[in-house]
């Protein structure tokens, strides 16, 4: 069958054969150009998706690392008595015993309550002690008061009432 078709082509006039070859070369070129255009468009789409995934990773990775760090630190002092846990959190943050006072509050039959007073805290110490009292010690803040020190406006005093 292919031979019959080829035989017909050989019986074409020279002008018709040239037209046929030109048409075949043009079709081949258009086919290659179309394939290149499709591959180029697909490459751009893949690059855009890769770039979007990279941007998402850059935004999400720090949050995921922080969440994993917080999950690892959660309730590490949960078995300790609340008084001891609060003192350990304060010492872990770097608050020395001279600036810290932790006292149990007399309570009725409810959960154990503590009064925590810390003097002269920096912003870092304040944030870390508030975070770690909840995460590491499992203590709940019932009430609190933060006041700027009169002798140093970069330091604060913290008074909390905590329950277990």
N, C-alpha and C. Protein backbone atom coordinates (compact mmCIF):
# COMPACT_ATOMS: atom_id res chain seq x y z
N UNK A 1 0.82 -1.18 0.00
CA UNK A 1 0.00 0.00 0.00
C UNK A 1 0.88 1.26 0.00
N UNK A 2 1.92 1.26 0.83
CA UNK A 2 2.82 2.40 0.88
C UNK A 2 3.52 2.56 -0.47
N UNK A 3 3.83 1.44 -1.11
CA UNK A 3 4.52 1.52 -2.39
C UNK A 3 3.63 2.13 -3.45
N UNK A 4 2.35 1.82 -3.41
CA UNK A 4 1.43 2.39 -4.39
C UNK A 4 1.36 3.91 -4.21
N UNK A 5 1.31 4.35 -2.96
CA UNK A 5 1.26 5.78 -2.69
C UNK A 5 2.54 6.45 -3.19
N UNK A 6 3.68 5.82 -2.91
CA UNK A 6 4.97 6.35 -3.37
C UNK A 6 5.03 6.37 -4.90
N UNK A 7 4.46 5.35 -5.50
CA UNK A 7 4.47 5.30 -6.96
C UNK A 7 3.64 6.45 -7.54
N UNK A 8 2.54 6.78 -6.91
CA UNK A 8 1.72 7.90 -7.37
C UNK A 8 2.48 9.21 -7.25
N UNK A 9 3.27 9.33 -6.16
CA UNK A 9 4.04 10.57 -5.98
C UNK A 9 5.09 10.73 -7.08
N UNK A 10 5.65 9.67 -7.52
CA UNK A 10 6.68 9.77 -8.56
C UNK A 10 6.09 10.15 -9.91
N UNK A 11 4.81 9.93 -10.08
CA UNK A 11 4.17 10.27 -11.36
C UNK A 11 3.65 11.70 -11.37
N UNK A 12 3.83 12.43 -10.23
CA UNK A 12 3.42 13.84 -10.19
C UNK A 12 4.37 14.66 -11.04
N UNK A 13 3.88 15.78 -11.46
CA UNK A 13 4.75 16.68 -12.22
C UNK A 13 5.80 17.27 -11.27
N UNK A 14 6.84 17.80 -11.83
CA UNK A 14 7.92 18.38 -11.03
C UNK A 14 7.39 19.54 -10.18
N UNK A 15 6.50 20.35 -10.75
CA UNK A 15 5.95 21.48 -10.02
C UNK A 15 5.10 20.98 -8.84
N UNK A 16 4.31 19.94 -9.04
CA UNK A 16 3.48 19.38 -7.98
C UNK A 16 4.34 18.73 -6.90
N UNK A 17 5.45 18.08 -7.31
CA UNK A 17 6.35 17.47 -6.32
C UNK A 17 7.01 18.55 -5.45
N UNK A 18 7.43 19.67 -6.09
CA UNK A 18 8.03 20.76 -5.31
C UNK A 18 7.01 21.33 -4.32
N UNK A 19 5.76 21.53 -4.79
CA UNK A 19 4.71 22.01 -3.90
C UNK A 19 4.49 21.05 -2.74
N UNK A 20 4.49 19.75 -3.01
CA UNK A 20 4.30 18.73 -1.98
C UNK A 20 5.44 18.79 -0.96
N UNK A 21 6.68 18.88 -1.46
CA UNK A 21 7.83 18.94 -0.54
C UNK A 21 7.81 20.22 0.29
N UNK A 22 7.44 21.33 -0.33
CA UNK A 22 7.33 22.59 0.42
C UNK A 22 6.26 22.48 1.52
N UNK A 23 5.13 21.88 1.14
CA UNK A 23 4.05 21.69 2.10
C UNK A 23 4.51 20.79 3.25
N UNK A 24 5.24 19.72 2.94
CA UNK A 24 5.74 18.83 3.99
C UNK A 24 6.75 19.54 4.89
N UNK A 25 7.66 20.33 4.32
CA UNK A 25 8.65 21.06 5.11
C UNK A 25 7.94 22.12 5.96
N UNK A 26 6.95 22.82 5.38
CA UNK A 26 6.20 23.81 6.14
C UNK A 26 5.43 23.16 7.28
N UNK A 27 4.79 22.02 7.01
CA UNK A 27 4.05 21.31 8.06
C UNK A 27 5.00 20.85 9.16
N UNK A 28 6.17 20.35 8.76
CA UNK A 28 7.18 19.92 9.74
C UNK A 28 7.61 21.11 10.60
N UNK A 29 7.88 22.25 10.00
CA UNK A 29 8.29 23.45 10.74
C UNK A 29 7.19 23.96 11.67
N UNK A 30 5.94 23.99 11.17
CA UNK A 30 4.82 24.42 12.02
C UNK A 30 4.64 23.44 13.18
N UNK A 31 4.78 22.16 12.91
CA UNK A 31 4.66 21.15 13.99
C UNK A 31 5.74 21.35 15.05
N UNK A 32 6.98 21.58 14.62
CA UNK A 32 8.06 21.83 15.59
C UNK A 32 7.83 23.11 16.38
N UNK A 33 7.39 24.16 15.69
CA UNK A 33 7.10 25.42 16.36
C UNK A 33 5.97 25.26 17.37
N UNK A 34 4.94 24.54 17.01
CA UNK A 34 3.83 24.30 17.93
C UNK A 34 4.30 23.48 19.13
N UNK A 35 5.11 22.46 18.89
CA UNK A 35 5.63 21.65 20.00
C UNK A 35 6.49 22.51 20.93
N UNK A 36 7.32 23.38 20.34
CA UNK A 36 8.15 24.26 21.16
C UNK A 36 7.28 25.21 22.00
N UNK A 37 6.23 25.77 21.38
CA UNK A 37 5.35 26.70 22.10
C UNK A 37 4.64 25.99 23.25
N UNK A 38 4.17 24.78 23.03
CA UNK A 38 3.48 24.03 24.09
C UNK A 38 4.46 23.72 25.23
N UNK A 39 5.64 23.24 24.88
CA UNK A 39 6.64 22.92 25.92
C UNK A 39 7.06 24.17 26.68
N UNK A 40 7.19 25.29 25.99
CA UNK A 40 7.56 26.54 26.65
C UNK A 40 6.47 26.98 27.62
N UNK A 41 5.22 26.89 27.20
CA UNK A 41 4.11 27.27 28.08
C UNK A 41 4.05 26.35 29.29
N UNK A 42 4.22 25.05 29.10
CA UNK A 42 4.20 24.12 30.22
C UNK A 42 5.36 24.37 31.18
N UNK A 43 6.51 24.74 30.63
CA UNK A 43 7.67 25.05 31.47
C UNK A 43 7.39 26.29 32.32
N UNK A 44 6.78 27.33 31.73
CA UNK A 44 6.44 28.53 32.49
C UNK A 44 5.44 28.22 33.60
N UNK A 45 4.47 27.38 33.30
CA UNK A 45 3.49 27.01 34.32
C UNK A 45 4.18 26.25 35.46
N UNK A 46 5.07 25.33 35.12
CA UNK A 46 5.79 24.57 36.15
C UNK A 46 6.70 25.48 36.97
N UNK A 47 7.37 26.42 36.32
CA UNK A 47 8.23 27.36 37.05
C UNK A 47 7.40 28.23 38.00
N UNK A 48 6.24 28.67 37.57
CA UNK A 48 5.36 29.49 38.43
C UNK A 48 4.90 28.68 39.64
N UNK A 49 4.51 27.43 39.41
CA UNK A 49 4.08 26.57 40.53
C UNK A 49 5.24 26.34 41.49
N UNK A 50 6.44 26.13 40.97
CA UNK A 50 7.62 25.91 41.81
C UNK A 50 7.93 27.17 42.61
N UNK A 51 7.82 28.33 41.98
CA UNK A 51 8.08 29.59 42.67
C UNK A 51 7.04 29.83 43.77
N UNK A 52 5.77 29.56 43.48
CA UNK A 52 4.72 29.71 44.49
C UNK A 52 4.94 28.77 45.66
N UNK A 53 5.34 27.54 45.36
CA UNK A 53 5.62 26.58 46.44
C UNK A 53 6.80 27.06 47.29
N UNK A 54 7.81 27.62 46.66
CA UNK A 54 8.95 28.16 47.40
C UNK A 54 8.56 29.31 48.30
N UNK A 55 7.71 30.20 47.80
CA UNK A 55 7.25 31.32 48.62
C UNK A 55 6.41 30.84 49.79
N UNK A 56 5.57 29.85 49.54
CA UNK A 56 4.76 29.28 50.62
C UNK A 56 5.67 28.65 51.67
N UNK A 57 6.70 27.93 51.22
CA UNK A 57 7.63 27.30 52.15
C UNK A 57 8.34 28.34 53.00
N UNK A 58 8.78 29.42 52.36
CA UNK A 58 9.49 30.48 53.09
C UNK A 58 8.58 31.09 54.16
N UNK A 59 7.28 31.19 53.88
CA UNK A 59 6.36 31.76 54.86
C UNK A 59 5.99 30.77 55.95
N UNK A 60 5.83 29.51 55.59
CA UNK A 60 5.31 28.53 56.53
C UNK A 60 6.40 27.86 57.37
N UNK A 61 7.58 27.70 56.84
CA UNK A 61 8.64 26.97 57.54
C UNK A 61 8.96 27.55 58.92
N UNK A 62 9.13 28.87 59.06
CA UNK A 62 9.41 29.39 60.41
C UNK A 62 8.26 29.15 61.39
N UNK A 63 7.02 29.28 60.89
CA UNK A 63 5.88 29.04 61.78
C UNK A 63 5.81 27.58 62.20
N UNK A 64 6.10 26.68 61.26
CA UNK A 64 6.07 25.25 61.60
C UNK A 64 7.19 24.91 62.58
N UNK A 65 8.36 25.49 62.39
CA UNK A 65 9.47 25.25 63.32
C UNK A 65 9.13 25.75 64.71
N UNK A 66 8.50 26.92 64.78
CA UNK A 66 8.12 27.46 66.08
C UNK A 66 7.05 26.59 66.74
N UNK A 67 6.09 26.13 65.95
CA UNK A 67 5.04 25.26 66.51
C UNK A 67 5.64 23.96 67.01
N UNK A 68 6.57 23.39 66.27
CA UNK A 68 7.21 22.14 66.71
C UNK A 68 8.03 22.37 67.97
N UNK A 69 8.70 23.52 68.06
CA UNK A 69 9.48 23.84 69.25
C UNK A 69 8.55 24.00 70.45
N UNK A 70 7.45 24.71 70.26
CA UNK A 70 6.51 24.91 71.36
C UNK A 70 5.87 23.58 71.78
N UNK A 71 5.55 22.73 70.81
CA UNK A 71 4.96 21.43 71.14
C UNK A 71 5.96 20.59 71.93
N UNK A 72 7.24 20.67 71.58
CA UNK A 72 8.26 19.91 72.30
C UNK A 72 8.45 20.41 73.73
N UNK A 73 8.22 21.72 73.94
CA UNK A 73 8.42 22.29 75.27
C UNK A 73 7.17 22.23 76.13
N UNK A 74 6.03 21.91 75.55
CA UNK A 74 4.76 21.95 76.28
C UNK A 74 4.74 20.97 77.44
N UNK A 75 4.37 21.49 78.58
CA UNK A 75 4.14 20.70 79.79
C UNK A 75 5.36 19.89 80.22
N UNK A 76 6.56 20.40 80.00
CA UNK A 76 7.75 19.69 80.46
C UNK A 76 7.84 19.69 81.98
N UNK A 77 7.21 20.66 82.62
CA UNK A 77 7.22 20.74 84.08
C UNK A 77 5.86 20.38 84.67
N UNK A 78 5.02 19.75 83.89
CA UNK A 78 3.65 19.46 84.31
C UNK A 78 3.55 18.56 85.52
N UNK A 79 4.56 17.72 85.78
CA UNK A 79 4.52 16.82 86.93
C UNK A 79 5.01 17.48 88.21
N UNK A 80 5.69 18.60 88.10
CA UNK A 80 6.23 19.28 89.28
C UNK A 80 5.09 20.03 89.99
N UNK A 81 5.22 20.21 91.31
CA UNK A 81 4.21 21.03 92.01
C UNK A 81 4.20 22.44 91.42
N UNK A 82 3.05 23.09 91.38
CA UNK A 82 2.95 24.41 90.74
C UNK A 82 3.95 25.43 91.25
N UNK A 83 4.19 25.46 92.56
CA UNK A 83 5.14 26.41 93.14
C UNK A 83 6.54 26.18 92.57
N UNK A 84 6.95 24.94 92.56
CA UNK A 84 8.29 24.59 92.05
C UNK A 84 8.36 24.82 90.54
N UNK A 85 7.30 24.51 89.82
CA UNK A 85 7.28 24.70 88.37
C UNK A 85 7.42 26.18 88.01
N UNK A 86 6.70 27.05 88.72
CA UNK A 86 6.79 28.50 88.46
C UNK A 86 8.20 29.01 88.74
N UNK A 87 8.82 28.54 89.81
CA UNK A 87 10.20 28.96 90.12
C UNK A 87 11.17 28.47 89.05
N UNK A 88 10.99 27.24 88.59
CA UNK A 88 11.88 26.70 87.56
C UNK A 88 11.74 27.46 86.24
N UNK A 89 10.51 27.83 85.90
CA UNK A 89 10.31 28.61 84.68
C UNK A 89 11.04 29.94 84.80
N UNK A 90 10.88 30.62 85.93
CA UNK A 90 11.53 31.93 86.13
C UNK A 90 13.05 31.79 86.09
N UNK A 91 13.58 30.76 86.71
CA UNK A 91 15.03 30.56 86.68
C UNK A 91 15.50 30.22 85.27
N UNK A 92 14.70 29.44 84.53
CA UNK A 92 15.05 29.10 83.15
C UNK A 92 15.11 30.32 82.25
N UNK A 93 14.28 31.29 82.53
CA UNK A 93 14.26 32.53 81.76
C UNK A 93 15.44 33.42 82.14
N UNK A 94 15.95 33.26 83.35
CA UNK A 94 17.08 34.05 83.80
C UNK A 94 16.73 35.06 84.88
N UNK A 95 15.59 34.88 85.50
CA UNK A 95 15.18 35.78 86.59
C UNK A 95 15.77 35.22 87.88
N UNK A 96 16.67 35.99 88.48
CA UNK A 96 17.33 35.49 89.70
C UNK A 96 16.37 35.57 90.89
N UNK A 97 16.62 34.77 91.93
CA UNK A 97 15.71 34.72 93.09
C UNK A 97 15.52 36.06 93.80
N UNK A 98 16.47 36.97 93.68
CA UNK A 98 16.32 38.27 94.34
C UNK A 98 15.22 39.10 93.69
N UNK A 99 14.91 38.85 92.42
CA UNK A 99 13.87 39.61 91.72
C UNK A 99 12.55 38.87 91.64
N UNK A 100 12.47 37.69 92.28
CA UNK A 100 11.29 36.85 92.13
C UNK A 100 10.71 36.46 93.48
N UNK A 101 9.39 36.47 93.55
CA UNK A 101 8.71 35.98 94.74
C UNK A 101 7.50 35.16 94.29
N UNK A 102 7.47 33.89 94.70
CA UNK A 102 6.36 33.00 94.36
C UNK A 102 5.79 32.49 95.68
N UNK A 103 4.50 32.78 95.90
CA UNK A 103 3.85 32.39 97.15
C UNK A 103 2.54 31.66 96.85
N UNK A 104 2.24 30.64 97.63
CA UNK A 104 0.92 30.01 97.46
C UNK A 104 -0.16 30.91 98.05
N UNK A 105 -1.31 30.94 97.41
CA UNK A 105 -2.44 31.72 97.92
C UNK A 105 -3.40 30.77 98.62
N UNK A 106 -3.90 31.20 99.77
CA UNK A 106 -4.89 30.34 100.45
C UNK A 106 -6.14 30.26 99.58
N UNK A 107 -6.62 29.04 99.41
CA UNK A 107 -7.80 28.86 98.58
C UNK A 107 -8.77 27.90 99.21
N UNK A 108 -9.96 27.93 98.71
CA UNK A 108 -10.95 26.99 99.18
C UNK A 108 -10.68 25.65 98.49
N UNK A 109 -11.65 24.96 98.09
CA UNK A 109 -11.44 23.62 97.56
C UNK A 109 -11.09 23.63 96.07
N UNK A 110 -10.79 24.74 95.49
CA UNK A 110 -10.48 24.84 94.07
C UNK A 110 -9.05 24.44 93.76
N UNK A 111 -8.60 24.79 92.57
CA UNK A 111 -7.23 24.45 92.19
C UNK A 111 -6.21 25.26 93.00
N UNK A 112 -5.01 24.75 93.04
CA UNK A 112 -3.95 25.45 93.77
C UNK A 112 -3.64 26.76 93.06
N UNK A 113 -3.54 27.84 93.83
CA UNK A 113 -3.30 29.16 93.28
C UNK A 113 -1.98 29.71 93.80
N UNK A 114 -1.31 30.51 92.96
CA UNK A 114 -0.02 31.10 93.30
C UNK A 114 -0.03 32.59 93.02
N UNK A 115 0.76 33.31 93.79
CA UNK A 115 1.03 34.71 93.52
C UNK A 115 2.49 34.79 93.07
N UNK A 116 2.69 35.33 91.88
CA UNK A 116 4.05 35.47 91.33
C UNK A 116 4.33 36.95 91.16
N UNK A 117 5.42 37.40 91.74
CA UNK A 117 5.85 38.79 91.58
C UNK A 117 7.29 38.77 91.09
N UNK A 118 7.52 39.44 89.97
CA UNK A 118 8.87 39.52 89.41
C UNK A 118 9.19 40.99 89.17
N UNK A 119 10.37 41.41 89.54
CA UNK A 119 10.77 42.82 89.47
C UNK A 119 11.86 43.02 88.42
N UNK A 120 11.77 44.14 87.72
CA UNK A 120 12.83 44.55 86.80
C UNK A 120 13.03 43.64 85.61
N UNK A 121 11.94 43.22 84.97
CA UNK A 121 12.04 42.31 83.82
C UNK A 121 12.29 43.09 82.53
N UNK A 122 13.12 42.53 81.68
CA UNK A 122 13.26 43.08 80.33
C UNK A 122 12.10 42.55 79.49
N UNK A 123 11.95 43.08 78.30
CA UNK A 123 10.87 42.64 77.42
C UNK A 123 11.01 41.15 77.09
N UNK A 124 12.23 40.70 76.82
CA UNK A 124 12.47 39.29 76.51
C UNK A 124 12.09 38.41 77.69
N UNK A 125 12.50 38.79 78.89
CA UNK A 125 12.17 38.01 80.09
C UNK A 125 10.66 37.96 80.32
N UNK A 126 10.00 39.10 80.12
CA UNK A 126 8.55 39.16 80.30
C UNK A 126 7.83 38.21 79.35
N UNK A 127 8.18 38.29 78.08
CA UNK A 127 7.52 37.44 77.08
C UNK A 127 7.80 35.97 77.37
N UNK A 128 9.03 35.64 77.66
CA UNK A 128 9.39 34.24 77.90
C UNK A 128 8.73 33.67 79.15
N UNK A 129 8.67 34.44 80.22
CA UNK A 129 8.06 33.92 81.45
C UNK A 129 6.56 33.74 81.27
N UNK A 130 5.90 34.68 80.60
CA UNK A 130 4.46 34.52 80.35
C UNK A 130 4.18 33.31 79.46
N UNK A 131 4.98 33.13 78.43
CA UNK A 131 4.80 31.98 77.53
C UNK A 131 5.08 30.66 78.24
N UNK A 132 6.19 30.60 78.97
CA UNK A 132 6.61 29.34 79.56
C UNK A 132 5.79 28.92 80.77
N UNK A 133 5.21 29.89 81.50
CA UNK A 133 4.33 29.51 82.60
C UNK A 133 3.15 28.68 82.08
N UNK A 134 2.66 29.03 80.92
CA UNK A 134 1.53 28.29 80.33
C UNK A 134 2.01 27.00 79.66
N UNK A 135 3.06 27.12 78.84
CA UNK A 135 3.48 25.97 78.05
C UNK A 135 4.22 24.91 78.85
N UNK A 136 5.20 25.33 79.63
CA UNK A 136 6.03 24.36 80.33
C UNK A 136 5.42 23.93 81.66
N UNK A 137 4.88 24.87 82.39
CA UNK A 137 4.38 24.55 83.73
C UNK A 137 2.89 24.21 83.73
N UNK A 138 2.17 24.55 82.68
CA UNK A 138 0.74 24.27 82.62
C UNK A 138 -0.07 25.12 83.58
N UNK A 139 0.43 26.30 83.91
CA UNK A 139 -0.27 27.20 84.83
C UNK A 139 -1.12 28.19 84.05
N UNK A 140 -2.28 28.48 84.58
CA UNK A 140 -3.22 29.38 83.92
C UNK A 140 -3.20 30.72 84.66
N UNK A 141 -3.10 31.80 83.89
CA UNK A 141 -3.10 33.14 84.48
C UNK A 141 -4.53 33.57 84.76
N UNK A 142 -4.84 33.78 86.03
CA UNK A 142 -6.16 34.26 86.41
C UNK A 142 -6.23 35.77 86.33
N UNK A 143 -5.18 36.43 86.78
CA UNK A 143 -5.12 37.89 86.69
C UNK A 143 -3.65 38.31 86.66
N UNK A 144 -3.42 39.51 86.19
CA UNK A 144 -2.05 39.98 86.13
C UNK A 144 -1.98 41.48 86.01
N UNK A 145 -0.82 42.00 86.35
CA UNK A 145 -0.59 43.43 86.28
C UNK A 145 0.87 43.65 85.89
N UNK A 146 1.05 44.48 84.87
CA UNK A 146 2.40 44.83 84.42
C UNK A 146 2.54 46.33 84.59
N UNK A 147 3.63 46.75 85.24
CA UNK A 147 3.86 48.19 85.42
C UNK A 147 5.30 48.51 85.07
N UNK A 148 5.47 49.66 84.44
CA UNK A 148 6.80 50.14 84.07
C UNK A 148 7.48 50.66 85.32
N UNK A 149 8.74 50.33 85.48
CA UNK A 149 9.49 50.78 86.67
C UNK A 149 9.76 52.28 86.58
N UNK A 150 9.70 52.95 87.70
CA UNK A 150 9.93 54.39 87.71
C UNK A 150 11.41 54.72 87.55
N UNK A 151 12.30 53.82 88.00
CA UNK A 151 13.73 54.10 87.91
C UNK A 151 14.34 53.70 86.55
N UNK A 152 13.64 52.86 85.77
CA UNK A 152 14.16 52.42 84.48
C UNK A 152 12.96 52.09 83.58
N UNK A 153 12.72 52.94 82.58
CA UNK A 153 11.53 52.74 81.75
C UNK A 153 11.69 51.59 80.75
N UNK A 154 12.83 50.91 80.75
CA UNK A 154 13.01 49.74 79.88
C UNK A 154 12.78 48.44 80.63
N UNK A 155 12.42 48.54 81.88
CA UNK A 155 12.15 47.37 82.72
C UNK A 155 10.74 47.46 83.28
N UNK A 156 10.13 46.29 83.55
CA UNK A 156 8.77 46.26 84.09
C UNK A 156 8.71 45.34 85.30
N UNK A 157 7.69 45.56 86.11
CA UNK A 157 7.37 44.67 87.23
C UNK A 157 6.13 43.89 86.83
N UNK A 158 6.10 42.64 87.22
CA UNK A 158 5.01 41.75 86.85
C UNK A 158 4.40 41.13 88.10
N UNK A 159 3.09 41.20 88.19
CA UNK A 159 2.37 40.54 89.29
C UNK A 159 1.28 39.67 88.66
N UNK A 160 1.31 38.36 88.99
CA UNK A 160 0.36 37.41 88.43
C UNK A 160 -0.31 36.59 89.52
N UNK A 161 -1.51 36.18 89.27
CA UNK A 161 -2.18 35.17 90.07
C UNK A 161 -2.40 34.00 89.12
N UNK A 162 -1.80 32.85 89.48
CA UNK A 162 -1.84 31.68 88.62
C UNK A 162 -2.61 30.55 89.30
N UNK A 163 -3.19 29.71 88.50
CA UNK A 163 -3.81 28.49 89.05
C UNK A 163 -3.35 27.30 88.23
N UNK A 164 -3.45 26.15 88.86
CA UNK A 164 -2.99 24.90 88.22
C UNK A 164 -4.16 24.15 87.65
